[in-house]
Each structure stands twice: as structure tokens, then as C-alpha cells.
PDB file of N, CA and C in Angstrom:
ATOM      1  N   MET A   1      88.794  57.464  59.063  1.00  0.00           N
ATOM      2  CA  MET A   1      88.227  58.310  60.098  1.00  0.00           C
ATOM      3  C   MET A   1      89.282  58.659  61.159  1.00  0.00           C
ATOM      4  N   LYS A   2      90.110  57.651  61.541  1.00  0.00           N
ATOM      5  CA  LYS A   2      91.145  57.902  62.539  1.00  0.00           C
ATOM      6  C   LYS A   2      92.177  58.888  62.017  1.00  0.00           C
ATOM      7  N   SER A   3      92.500  58.800  60.730  1.00  0.00           N
ATOM      8  CA  SER A   3      93.484  59.728  60.173  1.00  0.00           C
ATOM      9  C   SER A   3      92.925  61.145  60.113  1.00  0.00           C
ATOM     10  N   LEU A   4      91.629  61.284  59.884  1.00  0.00           N
ATOM     11  CA  LEU A   4      90.988  62.606  59.879  1.00  0.00           C
ATOM     12  C   LEU A   4      91.031  63.208  61.288  1.00  0.00           C
ATOM     13  N   LEU A   5      90.742  62.406  62.287  1.00  0.00           N
ATOM     14  CA  LEU A   5      90.796  62.858  63.680  1.00  0.00           C
ATOM     15  C   LEU A   5      92.228  63.234  64.063  1.00  0.00           C
ATOM     16  N   ALA A   6      93.191  62.437  63.650  1.00  0.00           N
ATOM     17  CA  ALA A   6      94.592  62.722  63.949  1.00  0.00           C
ATOM     18  C   ALA A   6      95.037  64.013  63.264  1.00  0.00           C
ATOM     19  N   ALA A   7      94.611  64.218  62.021  1.00  0.00           N
ATOM     20  CA  ALA A   7      94.970  65.437  61.293  1.00  0.00           C
ATOM     21  C   ALA A   7      94.346  66.661  61.950  1.00  0.00           C
ATOM     22  N   ALA A   8      93.100  66.547  62.383  1.00  0.00           N
ATOM     23  CA  ALA A   8      92.425  67.668  63.040  1.00  0.00           C
ATOM     24  C   ALA A   8      93.107  68.003  64.358  1.00  0.00           C
ATOM     25  N   THR A   9      93.489  66.973  65.103  1.00  0.00           N
ATOM     26  CA  THR A   9      94.186  67.182  66.373  1.00  0.00           C
ATOM     27  C   THR A   9      95.533  67.854  66.134  1.00  0.00           C
ATOM     28  N   PHE A  10      96.254  67.396  65.115  1.00  0.00           N
ATOM     29  CA  PHE A  10      97.552  67.992  64.783  1.00  0.00           C
ATOM     30  C   PHE A  10      97.405  69.466  64.428  1.00  0.00           C
ATOM     31  N   ILE A  11      96.413  69.798  63.626  1.00  0.00           N
ATOM     32  CA  ILE A  11      96.191  71.189  63.218  1.00  0.00           C
ATOM     33  C   ILE A  11      95.825  72.040  64.437  1.00  0.00           C
ATOM     34  N   LEU A  12      94.986  71.504  65.314  1.00  0.00           N
ATOM     35  CA  LEU A  12      94.606  72.240  66.522  1.00  0.00           C
ATOM     36  C   LEU A  12      95.822  72.515  67.399  1.00  0.00           C
ATOM     37  N   VAL A  13      96.672  71.518  67.574  1.00  0.00           N
ATOM     38  CA  VAL A  13      97.889  71.689  68.378  1.00  0.00           C
ATOM     39  C   VAL A  13      98.813  72.704  67.711  1.00  0.00           C
ATOM     40  N   LEU A  14      98.946  72.609  66.402  1.00  0.00           N
ATOM     41  CA  LEU A  14      99.798  73.540  65.670  1.00  0.00           C
ATOM     42  C   LEU A  14      99.312  74.982  65.811  1.00  0.00           C
ATOM     43  N   LEU A  15      98.012  75.189  65.666  1.00  0.00           N
ATOM     44  CA  LEU A  15      97.461  76.545  65.794  1.00  0.00           C
ATOM     45  C   LEU A  15      97.600  77.076  67.212  1.00  0.00           C
ATOM     46  N   THR A  16      97.402  76.215  68.180  1.00  0.00           N
ATOM     47  CA  THR A  16      97.527  76.634  69.576  1.00  0.00           C
ATOM     48  C   THR A  16      98.960  77.003  69.913  1.00  0.00           C
ATOM     49  N   SER A  17      99.905  76.247  69.398  1.00  0.00           N
ATOM     50  CA  SER A  17     101.310  76.523  69.711  1.00  0.00           C
ATOM     51  C   SER A  17     101.811  77.775  69.011  1.00  0.00           C
ATOM     52  N   CYS A  18     101.158  78.167  67.933  1.00  0.00           N
ATOM     53  CA  CYS A  18     101.580  79.371  67.203  1.00  0.00           C
ATOM     54  C   CYS A  18     100.969  80.645  67.748  1.00  0.00           C
ATOM     55  N   ALA A  19      99.997  80.515  68.638  1.00  0.00           N
ATOM     56  CA  ALA A  19      99.347  81.704  69.206  1.00  0.00           C
ATOM     57  C   ALA A  19     100.340  82.449  70.082  1.00  0.00           C
ATOM     58  N   PRO A  20     100.283  83.784  70.080  1.00  0.00           N
ATOM     59  CA  PRO A  20     101.211  84.545  70.923  1.00  0.00           C
ATOM     60  C   PRO A  20     100.972  84.237  72.394  1.00  0.00           C
ATOM     61  N   LYS A  21     102.043  84.135  73.105  1.00  0.00           N
ATOM     62  CA  LYS A  21     101.978  83.842  74.537  1.00  0.00           C
ATOM     63  C   LYS A  21     101.813  85.139  75.313  1.00  0.00           C
ATOM     64  N   ALA A  22     100.877  85.153  76.231  1.00  0.00           N
ATOM     65  CA  ALA A  22     100.678  86.309  77.094  1.00  0.00           C
ATOM     66  C   ALA A  22     101.545  86.116  78.329  1.00  0.00           C
ATOM     67  N   THR A  23     102.532  86.972  78.485  1.00  0.00           N
ATOM     68  CA  THR A  23     103.402  86.875  79.648  1.00  0.00           C
ATOM     69  C   THR A  23     103.205  88.112  80.509  1.00  0.00           C
ATOM     70  N   PRO A  24     102.866  87.915  81.770  1.00  0.00           N
ATOM     71  CA  PRO A  24     102.696  89.072  82.637  1.00  0.00           C
ATOM     72  C   PRO A  24     104.031  89.758  82.867  1.00  0.00           C
ATOM     73  N   VAL A  25     104.008  91.049  82.816  1.00  0.00           N
ATOM     74  CA  VAL A  25     105.225  91.831  83.022  1.00  0.00           C
ATOM     75  C   VAL A  25     105.063  92.603  84.320  1.00  0.00           C
ATOM     76  N   ALA A  26     106.000  92.380  85.233  1.00  0.00           N
ATOM     77  CA  ALA A  26     105.969  93.129  86.478  1.00  0.00           C
ATOM     78  C   ALA A  26     106.425  94.545  86.182  1.00  0.00           C
ATOM     79  N   GLN A  27     105.540  95.470  86.408  1.00  0.00           N
ATOM     80  CA  GLN A  27     105.883  96.849  86.126  1.00  0.00           C
ATOM     81  C   GLN A  27     106.318  97.533  87.407  1.00  0.00           C
ATOM     82  N   ALA A  28     107.379  98.259  87.279  1.00  0.00           N
ATOM     83  CA  ALA A  28     107.869  99.032  88.412  1.00  0.00           C
ATOM     84  C   ALA A  28     107.024 100.280  88.536  1.00  0.00           C
ATOM     85  N   PRO A  29     106.871 100.750  89.736  1.00  0.00           N
ATOM     86  CA  PRO A  29     106.261 102.056  89.863  1.00  0.00           C
ATOM     87  C   PRO A  29     107.117 103.060  89.096  1.00  0.00           C
ATOM     88  N   LYS A  30     106.571 104.201  88.838  1.00  0.00           N
ATOM     89  CA  LYS A  30     107.336 105.230  88.124  1.00  0.00           C
ATOM     90  C   LYS A  30     108.670 105.455  88.803  1.00  0.00           C
ATOM     91  N   SER A  31     109.599 106.015  88.059  1.00  0.00           N
ATOM     92  CA  SER A  31     110.906 106.283  88.650  1.00  0.00           C
ATOM     93  C   SER A  31     110.734 107.205  89.850  1.00  0.00           C
ATOM     94  N   ALA A  32     111.744 107.210  90.693  1.00  0.00           N
ATOM     95  CA  ALA A  32     111.674 107.949  91.954  1.00  0.00           C
ATOM     96  C   ALA A  32     111.280 109.401  91.718  1.00  0.00           C
ATOM     97  N   THR A  33     110.011 109.655  91.908  1.00  0.00           N
ATOM     98  CA  THR A  33     109.500 111.008  91.740  1.00  0.00           C
ATOM     99  C   THR A  33     109.033 111.577  93.070  1.00  0.00           C
ATOM    100  N   SER A  34     109.206 110.803  94.110  1.00  0.00           N
ATOM    101  CA  SER A  34     108.746 111.217  95.423  1.00  0.00           C
ATOM    102  C   SER A  34     109.716 112.213  96.038  1.00  0.00           C
ATOM    103  N   THR A  35     109.150 113.120  96.789  1.00  0.00           N
ATOM    104  CA  THR A  35     109.969 114.082  97.515  1.00  0.00           C
ATOM    105  C   THR A  35     110.544 113.400  98.755  1.00  0.00           C
ATOM    106  N   ALA A  36     111.470 114.063  99.413  1.00  0.00           N
ATOM    107  CA  ALA A  36     112.061 113.518 100.639  1.00  0.00           C
ATOM    108  C   ALA A  36     110.977 113.273 101.687  1.00  0.00           C
ATOM    109  N   GLU A  37     110.004 114.171 101.753  1.00  0.00           N
ATOM    110  CA  GLU A  37     108.914 114.011 102.723  1.00  0.00           C
ATOM    111  C   GLU A  37     108.061 112.783 102.383  1.00  0.00           C
ATOM    112  N   GLN A  38     107.797 112.571 101.106  1.00  0.00           N
ATOM    113  CA  GLN A  38     107.008 111.412 100.698  1.00  0.00           C
ATOM    114  C   GLN A  38     107.772 110.108 100.938  1.00  0.00           C
ATOM    115  N   ILE A  39     109.077 110.137 100.715  1.00  0.00           N
ATOM    116  CA  ILE A  39     109.894 108.953 100.989  1.00  0.00           C
ATOM    117  C   ILE A  39     109.878 108.655 102.486  1.00  0.00           C
ATOM    118  N   ALA A  40     109.909 109.683 103.306  1.00  0.00           N
ATOM    119  CA  ALA A  40     109.812 109.490 104.756  1.00  0.00           C
ATOM    120  C   ALA A  40     108.451 108.888 105.113  1.00  0.00           C
ATOM    121  N   GLN A  41     107.407 109.342 104.429  1.00  0.00           N
ATOM    122  CA  GLN A  41     106.081 108.749 104.652  1.00  0.00           C
ATOM    123  C   GLN A  41     106.072 107.293 104.188  1.00  0.00           C
ATOM    124  N   GLY A  42     106.783 107.003 103.098  1.00  0.00           N
ATOM    125  CA  GLY A  42     106.904 105.631 102.616  1.00  0.00           C
ATOM    126  C   GLY A  42     107.548 104.731 103.648  1.00  0.00           C
ATOM    127  N   LYS A  43     108.561 105.250 104.340  1.00  0.00           N
ATOM    128  CA  LYS A  43     109.218 104.482 105.401  1.00  0.00           C
ATOM    129  C   LYS A  43     108.238 104.180 106.524  1.00  0.00           C
ATOM    130  N   THR A  44     107.458 105.182 106.910  1.00  0.00           N
ATOM    131  CA  THR A  44     106.467 105.002 107.971  1.00  0.00           C
ATOM    132  C   THR A  44     105.413 103.985 107.559  1.00  0.00           C
ATOM    133  N   ILE A  45     104.930 104.096 106.327  1.00  0.00           N
ATOM    134  CA  ILE A  45     103.926 103.149 105.829  1.00  0.00           C
ATOM    135  C   ILE A  45     104.510 101.742 105.815  1.00  0.00           C
ATOM    136  N   PHE A  46     105.739 101.602 105.324  1.00  0.00           N
ATOM    137  CA  PHE A  46     106.417 100.300 105.287  1.00  0.00           C
ATOM    138  C   PHE A  46     106.488  99.709 106.684  1.00  0.00           C
ATOM    139  N   GLU A  47     106.896 100.515 107.648  1.00  0.00           N
ATOM    140  CA  GLU A  47     107.087 100.018 109.009  1.00  0.00           C
ATOM    141  C   GLU A  47     105.771  99.663 109.688  1.00  0.00           C
ATOM    142  N   THR A  48     104.691 100.339 109.352  1.00  0.00           N
ATOM    143  CA  THR A  48     103.414 100.049 110.017  1.00  0.00           C
ATOM    144  C   THR A  48     102.577  99.033 109.237  1.00  0.00           C
ATOM    145  N   ALA A  49     102.359  99.270 107.954  1.00  0.00           N
ATOM    146  CA  ALA A  49     101.464  98.405 107.176  1.00  0.00           C
ATOM    147  C   ALA A  49     102.053  97.012 106.980  1.00  0.00           C
ATOM    148  N   CYS A  50     103.325  96.935 106.674  1.00  0.00           N
ATOM    149  CA  CYS A  50     103.938  95.632 106.392  1.00  0.00           C
ATOM    150  C   CYS A  50     104.151  94.825 107.667  1.00  0.00           C
ATOM    151  N   ASN A  51     104.452  95.517 108.743  1.00  0.00           N
ATOM    152  CA  ASN A  51     104.734  94.865 110.019  1.00  0.00           C
ATOM    153  C   ASN A  51     103.480  94.261 110.648  1.00  0.00           C
ATOM    154  N   ARG A  52     102.297  94.624 110.159  1.00  0.00           N
ATOM    155  CA  ARG A  52     101.063  94.054 110.702  1.00  0.00           C
ATOM    156  C   ARG A  52     100.986  92.554 110.464  1.00  0.00           C
ATOM    157  N   CYS A  53     101.523  92.108 109.326  1.00  0.00           N
ATOM    158  CA  CYS A  53     101.362  90.704 108.942  1.00  0.00           C
ATOM    159  C   CYS A  53     102.631  89.864 109.015  1.00  0.00           C
ATOM    160  N   HIS A  54     103.779  90.490 108.920  1.00  0.00           N
ATOM    161  CA  HIS A  54     105.019  89.716 108.918  1.00  0.00           C
ATOM    162  C   HIS A  54     106.180  90.590 109.353  1.00  0.00           C
ATOM    163  N   LYS A  55     107.318  89.935 109.587  1.00  0.00           N
ATOM    164  CA  LYS A  55     108.490  90.701 109.996  1.00  0.00           C
ATOM    165  C   LYS A  55     108.933  91.593 108.837  1.00  0.00           C
ATOM    166  N   LEU A  56     109.591  92.656 109.178  1.00  0.00           N
ATOM    167  CA  LEU A  56     110.070  93.578 108.150  1.00  0.00           C
ATOM    168  C   LEU A  56     111.393  93.077 107.585  1.00  0.00           C
ATOM    169  N   TYR A  57     111.501  93.179 106.285  1.00  0.00           N
ATOM    170  CA  TYR A  57     112.759  92.840 105.630  1.00  0.00           C
ATOM    171  C   TYR A  57     113.595  94.101 105.514  1.00  0.00           C
ATOM    172  N   GLU A  58     114.888  93.912 105.512  1.00  0.00           N
ATOM    173  CA  GLU A  58     115.785  95.046 105.288  1.00  0.00           C
ATOM    174  C   GLU A  58     115.609  95.518 103.850  1.00  0.00           C
ATOM    175  N   PRO A  59     115.498  96.810 103.629  1.00  0.00           N
ATOM    176  CA  PRO A  59     115.359  97.304 102.256  1.00  0.00           C
ATOM    177  C   PRO A  59     116.504  96.859 101.348  1.00  0.00           C
ATOM    178  N   THR A  60     117.685  96.663 101.928  1.00  0.00           N
ATOM    179  CA  THR A  60     118.838  96.258 101.116  1.00  0.00           C
ATOM    180  C   THR A  60     118.861  94.760 100.839  1.00  0.00           C
ATOM    181  N   GLN A  61     117.914  94.021 101.404  1.00  0.00           N
ATOM    182  CA  GLN A  61     117.891  92.570 101.238  1.00  0.00           C
ATOM    183  C   GLN A  61     117.501  92.176  99.815  1.00  0.00           C
ATOM    184  N   PHE A  62     116.790  93.051  99.099  1.00  0.00           N
ATOM    185  CA  PHE A  62     116.339  92.747  97.754  1.00  0.00           C
ATOM    186  C   PHE A  62     116.763  93.858  96.805  1.00  0.00           C
ATOM    187  N   THR A  63     116.886  93.509  95.527  1.00  0.00           N
ATOM    188  CA  THR A  63     117.212  94.508  94.505  1.00  0.00           C
ATOM    189  C   THR A  63     115.948  95.297  94.169  1.00  0.00           C
ATOM    190  N   SER A  64     116.126  96.392  93.441  1.00  0.00           N
ATOM    191  CA  SER A  64     114.961  97.194  93.055  1.00  0.00           C
ATOM    192  C   SER A  64     114.007  96.385  92.183  1.00  0.00           C
ATOM    193  N   VAL A  65     114.533  95.496  91.355  1.00  0.00           N
ATOM    194  CA  VAL A  65     113.681  94.656  90.508  1.00  0.00           C
ATOM    195  C   VAL A  65     112.897  93.668  91.371  1.00  0.00           C
ATOM    196  N   GLN A  66     113.552  93.089  92.370  1.00  0.00           N
ATOM    197  CA  GLN A  66     112.856  92.173  93.266  1.00  0.00           C
ATOM    198  C   GLN A  66     111.773  92.902  94.056  1.00  0.00           C
ATOM    199  N   TRP A  67     112.065  94.137  94.471  1.00  0.00           N
ATOM    200  CA  TRP A  67     111.074  94.903  95.210  1.00  0.00           C
ATOM    201  C   TRP A  67     109.845  95.187  94.363  1.00  0.00           C
ATOM    202  N   VAL A  68     110.025  95.317  93.041  1.00  0.00           N
ATOM    203  CA  VAL A  68     108.875  95.545  92.162  1.00  0.00           C
ATOM    204  C   VAL A  68     107.880  94.398  92.313  1.00  0.00           C
ATOM    205  N   GLY A  69     108.385  93.170  92.192  1.00  0.00           N
ATOM    206  CA  GLY A  69     107.498  92.015  92.319  1.00  0.00           C
ATOM    207  C   GLY A  69     106.878  91.905  93.694  1.00  0.00           C
ATOM    208  N   ILE A  70     107.681  92.132  94.715  1.00  0.00           N
ATOM    209  CA  ILE A  70     107.183  92.055  96.093  1.00  0.00           C
ATOM    210  C   ILE A  70     106.116  93.110  96.324  1.00  0.00           C
ATOM    211  N   MET A  71     106.407  94.336  95.910  1.00  0.00           N
ATOM    212  CA  MET A  71     105.447  95.424  96.106  1.00  0.00           C
ATOM    213  C   MET A  71     104.158  95.188  95.313  1.00  0.00           C
ATOM    214  N   ASN A  72     104.287  94.704  94.086  1.00  0.00           N
ATOM    215  CA  ASN A  72     103.089  94.449  93.279  1.00  0.00           C
ATOM    216  C   ASN A  72     102.213  93.376  93.907  1.00  0.00           C
ATOM    217  N   ALA A  73     102.831  92.428  94.591  1.00  0.00           N
ATOM    218  CA  ALA A  73     102.063  91.376  95.252  1.00  0.00           C
ATOM    219  C   ALA A  73     101.485  91.835  96.585  1.00  0.00           C
ATOM    220  N   MET A  74     102.246  92.621  97.324  1.00  0.00           N
ATOM    221  CA  MET A  74     101.853  92.937  98.693  1.00  0.00           C
ATOM    222  C   MET A  74     101.037  94.227  98.847  1.00  0.00           C
ATOM    223  N   ALA A  75     101.230  95.190  97.976  1.00  0.00           N
ATOM    224  CA  ALA A  75     100.519  96.471  98.108  1.00  0.00           C
ATOM    225  C   ALA A  75      98.999  96.299  98.143  1.00  0.00           C
ATOM    226  N   PRO A  76      98.414  95.451  97.286  1.00  0.00           N
ATOM    227  CA  PRO A  76      96.967  95.265  97.376  1.00  0.00           C
ATOM    228  C   PRO A  76      96.537  94.640  98.704  1.00  0.00           C
ATOM    229  N   LYS A  77      97.344  93.708  99.221  1.00  0.00           N
ATOM    230  CA  LYS A  77      97.016  93.080 100.501  1.00  0.00           C
ATOM    231  C   LYS A  77      97.066  94.094 101.637  1.00  0.00           C
ATOM    232  N   ALA A  78      97.998  95.040 101.529  1.00  0.00           N
ATOM    233  CA  ALA A  78      98.122  96.082 102.553  1.00  0.00           C
ATOM    234  C   ALA A  78      97.156  97.235 102.297  1.00  0.00           C
ATOM    235  N   LYS A  79      96.408  97.130 101.201  1.00  0.00           N
ATOM    236  CA  LYS A  79      95.432  98.160 100.817  1.00  0.00           C
ATOM    237  C   LYS A  79      96.084  99.534 100.645  1.00  0.00           C
ATOM    238  N   LEU A  80      97.246  99.539  99.981  1.00  0.00           N
ATOM    239  CA  LEU A  80      97.933 100.802  99.718  1.00  0.00           C
ATOM    240  C   LEU A  80      97.346 101.449  98.475  1.00  0.00           C
ATOM    241  N   THR A  81      97.259 102.748  98.507  1.00  0.00           N
ATOM    242  CA  THR A  81      96.866 103.479  97.306  1.00  0.00           C
ATOM    243  C   THR A  81      98.053 103.460  96.349  1.00  0.00           C
ATOM    244  N   ASP A  82      97.815 103.848  95.102  1.00  0.00           N
ATOM    245  CA  ASP A  82      98.918 103.917  94.138  1.00  0.00           C
ATOM    246  C   ASP A  82      99.998 104.878  94.623  1.00  0.00           C
ATOM    247  N   GLU A  83      99.569 105.957  95.235  1.00  0.00           N
ATOM    248  CA  GLU A  83     100.511 106.961  95.753  1.00  0.00           C
ATOM    249  C   GLU A  83     101.358 106.368  96.878  1.00  0.00           C
ATOM    250  N   GLN A  84     100.717 105.691  97.815  1.00  0.00           N
ATOM    251  CA  GLN A  84     101.443 105.067  98.918  1.00  0.00           C
ATOM    252  C   GLN A  84     102.381 103.977  98.409  1.00  0.00           C
ATOM    253  N   HIS A  85     101.924 103.227  97.439  1.00  0.00           N
ATOM    254  CA  HIS A  85     102.753 102.193  96.817  1.00  0.00           C
ATOM    255  C   HIS A  85     104.029 102.823  96.273  1.00  0.00           C
ATOM    256  N   GLN A  86     103.876 103.937  95.592  1.00  0.00           N
ATOM    257  CA  GLN A  86     105.022 104.645  95.023  1.00  0.00           C
ATOM    258  C   GLN A  86     105.982 105.108  96.116  1.00  0.00           C
ATOM    259  N   TRP A  87     105.442 105.674  97.183  1.00  0.00           N
ATOM    260  CA  TRP A  87     106.281 106.194  98.268  1.00  0.00           C
ATOM    261  C   TRP A  87     107.062 105.074  98.943  1.00  0.00           C
ATOM    262  N   VAL A  88     106.386 103.948  99.199  1.00  0.00           N
ATOM    263  CA  VAL A  88     107.066 102.824  99.854  1.00  0.00           C
ATOM    264  C   VAL A  88     108.156 102.283  98.934  1.00  0.00           C
ATOM    265  N   TYR A  89     107.839 102.112  97.660  1.00  0.00           N
ATOM    266  CA  TYR A  89     108.849 101.620  96.706  1.00  0.00           C
ATOM    267  C   TYR A  89     110.031 102.576  96.652  1.00  0.00           C
ATOM    268  N   ASP A  90     109.767 103.872  96.554  1.00  0.00           N
ATOM    269  CA  ASP A  90     110.852 104.845  96.498  1.00  0.00           C
ATOM    270  C   ASP A  90     111.698 104.809  97.774  1.00  0.00           C
ATOM    271  N   TYR A  91     111.053 104.615  98.915  1.00  0.00           N
ATOM    272  CA  TYR A  91     111.816 104.485 100.163  1.00  0.00           C
ATOM    273  C   TYR A  91     112.720 103.259 100.096  1.00  0.00           C
ATOM    274  N   LEU A  92     112.146 102.129  99.712  1.00  0.00           N
ATOM    275  CA  LEU A  92     112.904 100.871  99.704  1.00  0.00           C
ATOM    276  C   LEU A  92     114.118 100.928  98.790  1.00  0.00           C
ATOM    277  N   VAL A  93     113.961 101.543  97.621  1.00  0.00           N
ATOM    278  CA  VAL A  93     115.104 101.582  96.687  1.00  0.00           C
ATOM    279  C   VAL A  93     116.038 102.750  96.986  1.00  0.00           C
ATOM    280  N   SER A  94     115.620 103.658  97.866  1.00  0.00           N
ATOM    281  CA  SER A  94     116.500 104.788  98.187  1.00  0.00           C
ATOM    282  C   SER A  94     117.524 104.427  99.250  1.00  0.00           C
ATOM    283  N   VAL A  95     117.274 103.336  99.991  1.00  0.00           N
ATOM    284  CA  VAL A  95     118.191 102.909 101.043  1.00  0.00           C
ATOM    285  C   VAL A  95     119.403 102.267 100.365  1.00  0.00           C
ATOM    286  N   LYS A  96     120.568 102.789 100.669  1.00  0.00           N
ATOM    287  CA  LYS A  96     121.792 102.294 100.037  1.00  0.00           C
ATOM    288  C   LYS A  96     122.374 101.137 100.817  1.00  0.00           C
ATOM    289  N   LYS A  97     123.018 100.246 100.123  1.00  0.00           N
ATOM    290  CA  LYS A  97     123.656  99.087 100.770  1.00  0.00           C
ATOM    291  C   LYS A  97     124.918  99.495 101.464  1.00  0.00           C
TER     292      LYS A  97
END
């Protein structure tokens, strides 16, 4: 009986370990498709919406890939629309070091 239980446990572990792993992928907003006016609006949104809860970070402080993760985490908290999210991201990555 113990060997049957051990075999069943082994098979369960084996099947579980073979299952495909779901890994979340941080998706960047679309490539910079915003106009200069929209990027300017992104700067304004960044300065007002983000500053409500914490100090503002320099746009050059993070890479565009890092900004993807930050924006994906913070945009819902700031209640940004998808459009506003895009504008803020485009502003942040448009600032040159």
C-alpha cells in the first residue's frame, strides 16, 4: 500500500513538473506613436498624477524596459486610461540622458 501511495505521489509530481509554466510578460505600450502634443500631455499627466502619491523620478533614472514594469504597475493606481498610459510612457522614454 505504501509503495502504491509513493508511486501515485511520484506520478503526480512528475505530471505537475511537466506542465507548462505560465510566466507573466510585461508588455510595453505600443511603440512611440504619440504626437509631440500628446507627449507634452504625457509630461503634464506624469507631473500631476504621479506626484500625488510620491516624489517624481527623473525619466532618465530608468531604462525604457524598466519604465514598462513601473508604468504597468502604477497606471491603474493613477487611474490612467490606456491613451494616457501611452502618452506618459512615450514622454518618459523620449527624454534623453
